[in-house]
Amino acid sequence: MTQEAARHPVLPARLVTLLTGHLDVGAEPEALTEATTFESLGMDSLSLMELVVAAEEEFGIVLPEEAVDLSPSVTLGEAARMFERAG
């Protein structure tokens, strides 16, 4: 594995704040990476819907139904990109 592949890009601070503050996932912010899955944070489908609503309010976006494809196996990096595209 190259040094570049070993590094994890930084997640948007607002997403980390939503997860650790608003949804209280019980993980340290510095432990969250793009590769972290919602499942590994103990989030189920109800928690994911709460995240979508909170993200829409926080980011001032509206995610179209077809774009809201969050499941417990989705990574935080995938979710961050989805929210970014909607904004």
Protein backbone atom coordinates (compact mmCIF):
# COMPACT_ATOMS: atom_id res chain seq x y z
CA MET A 1 0.00 0.00 0.00
CA THR A 2 1.37 3.40 -0.93
CA GLN A 3 1.66 6.22 1.55
CA GLU A 4 -1.04 8.11 -0.40
CA ALA A 5 -3.48 5.18 -0.16
CA ALA A 6 -2.82 4.80 3.56
CA ARG A 7 -3.93 8.36 4.29
CA HIS A 8 -7.58 9.16 4.85
CA PRO A 9 -8.82 12.53 3.61
CA VAL A 10 -10.33 14.71 6.28
CA LEU A 11 -14.11 14.60 6.58
CA PRO A 12 -16.06 17.86 6.46
CA ALA A 13 -16.14 19.33 9.95
CA ARG A 14 -19.89 19.93 9.76
CA LEU A 15 -20.53 16.22 9.11
CA VAL A 16 -18.29 15.21 12.03
CA THR A 17 -20.13 17.72 14.26
CA LEU A 18 -23.51 16.31 13.19
CA LEU A 19 -22.39 12.79 14.03
CA THR A 20 -20.64 13.47 17.32
CA GLY A 21 -22.78 16.34 18.58
CA HIS A 22 -26.29 16.10 17.20
CA LEU A 23 -26.51 12.32 16.81
CA ASP A 24 -24.04 11.46 19.59
CA VAL A 25 -22.51 8.42 17.88
CA GLY A 26 -20.10 7.89 20.75
CA ALA A 27 -16.93 8.09 18.68
CA GLU A 28 -14.10 10.55 19.01
CA PRO A 29 -14.07 12.99 16.07
CA GLU A 30 -10.45 12.13 15.24
CA ALA A 31 -11.40 8.44 14.95
CA LEU A 32 -13.86 9.13 12.11
CA THR A 33 -12.44 8.62 8.62
CA GLU A 34 -13.81 8.40 5.10
CA ALA A 35 -13.68 4.61 5.45
CA THR A 36 -15.77 4.50 8.64
CA THR A 37 -19.16 2.91 8.00
CA PHE A 38 -22.39 3.92 9.69
CA GLU A 39 -22.74 0.31 10.82
CA SER A 40 -19.43 0.50 12.70
CA LEU A 41 -20.86 3.51 14.55
CA GLY A 42 -23.92 1.51 15.60
CA MET A 43 -26.27 3.46 13.34
CA ASP A 44 -29.39 1.77 11.97
CA SER A 45 -31.86 2.92 9.30
CA LEU A 46 -33.70 5.17 11.77
CA SER A 47 -30.44 6.85 12.80
CA LEU A 48 -29.60 7.36 9.14
CA MET A 49 -32.92 9.10 8.50
CA GLU A 50 -32.19 11.37 11.48
CA LEU A 51 -28.81 12.14 9.91
CA VAL A 52 -30.42 13.02 6.56
CA VAL A 53 -32.91 15.39 8.22
CA ALA A 54 -30.18 16.97 10.35
CA ALA A 55 -27.86 17.34 7.34
CA GLU A 56 -30.60 18.96 5.26
CA GLU A 57 -31.23 21.47 8.04
CA GLU A 58 -27.55 22.09 8.81
CA PHE A 59 -26.32 22.34 5.22
CA GLY A 60 -29.44 24.00 3.79
CA ILE A 61 -29.85 21.27 1.18
CA VAL A 62 -32.64 18.99 0.06
CA LEU A 63 -31.59 15.50 -0.90
CA PRO A 64 -33.76 13.99 -3.65
CA GLU A 65 -35.38 10.67 -2.75
CA GLU A 66 -33.20 8.73 -5.18
CA ALA A 67 -30.04 10.31 -3.75
CA VAL A 68 -30.90 9.23 -0.23
CA ASP A 69 -29.38 5.81 -0.56
CA LEU A 70 -27.85 5.60 2.89
CA SER A 71 -27.55 2.19 4.43
CA PRO A 72 -25.48 1.03 7.40
CA SER A 73 -22.75 -0.18 5.01
CA VAL A 74 -22.23 3.29 3.44
CA THR A 75 -19.01 5.02 4.45
CA LEU A 76 -18.77 8.51 5.87
CA GLY A 77 -16.79 9.52 2.78
CA GLU A 78 -19.61 8.40 0.49
CA ALA A 79 -22.15 10.29 2.59
CA ALA A 80 -20.01 13.44 2.62
CA ARG A 81 -19.79 13.39 -1.19
CA MET A 82 -23.56 12.82 -1.47
CA PHE A 83 -24.27 15.82 0.76
CA GLU A 84 -21.73 17.93 -1.12
CA ARG A 85 -23.31 17.14 -4.52
CA ALA A 86 -26.75 18.09 -3.19
CA GLY A 87 -25.51 21.44 -1.90
